């Protein structure tokens, strides 16, 4: 799961405006639930990251190969989404690359990477953490969309009418 560390380092060492865009401002989070879900999502993500260090890879099993395929798809999605994120000017809505087929490719990639890790290691705990992370990210996506509606107005409405929230789920 070190792919997340590499992605964070890329964003951290990038332009300040890109780092700023990487999170919904705390003053926008309207309810205490909005604030707590973000904290809970980060807690479970960090827990999954730390836990994954101790998981043995079970080479040769069907689960290992299935998990690797899911993981690699998630890692590729994360790489492509990060590239689009970093190459779009910070004052523009990201619509290119995988953002043209999913409004939240980084969230989806995070789930797939965690799930793939859980399957490849045959860890029920990691798969459970993946599900919890997905539920938190699902909520985070709605907060992010409220924020984008406020910032980009009709332009974002047009985008949501055209692009599904999750990859593969048609509008």
Foldseek 3Di string as FASTA:
>chain_A
DCLVVVLVVVQVPADPLLVVLVADDPVLQDDVVSVVLVVVLVVLLVVLVVVLVPFDFDPPDPLLVVLVVLQVVLSVLLVQVSVQSRPDPSLDQRCDTCNVAAVCSNLVSSLSNQCSSCSRRVPPVSNVSSVSSNVSVVVVLVSVLVVCCVRVPPVSVVSCVRYPNDHPDDD
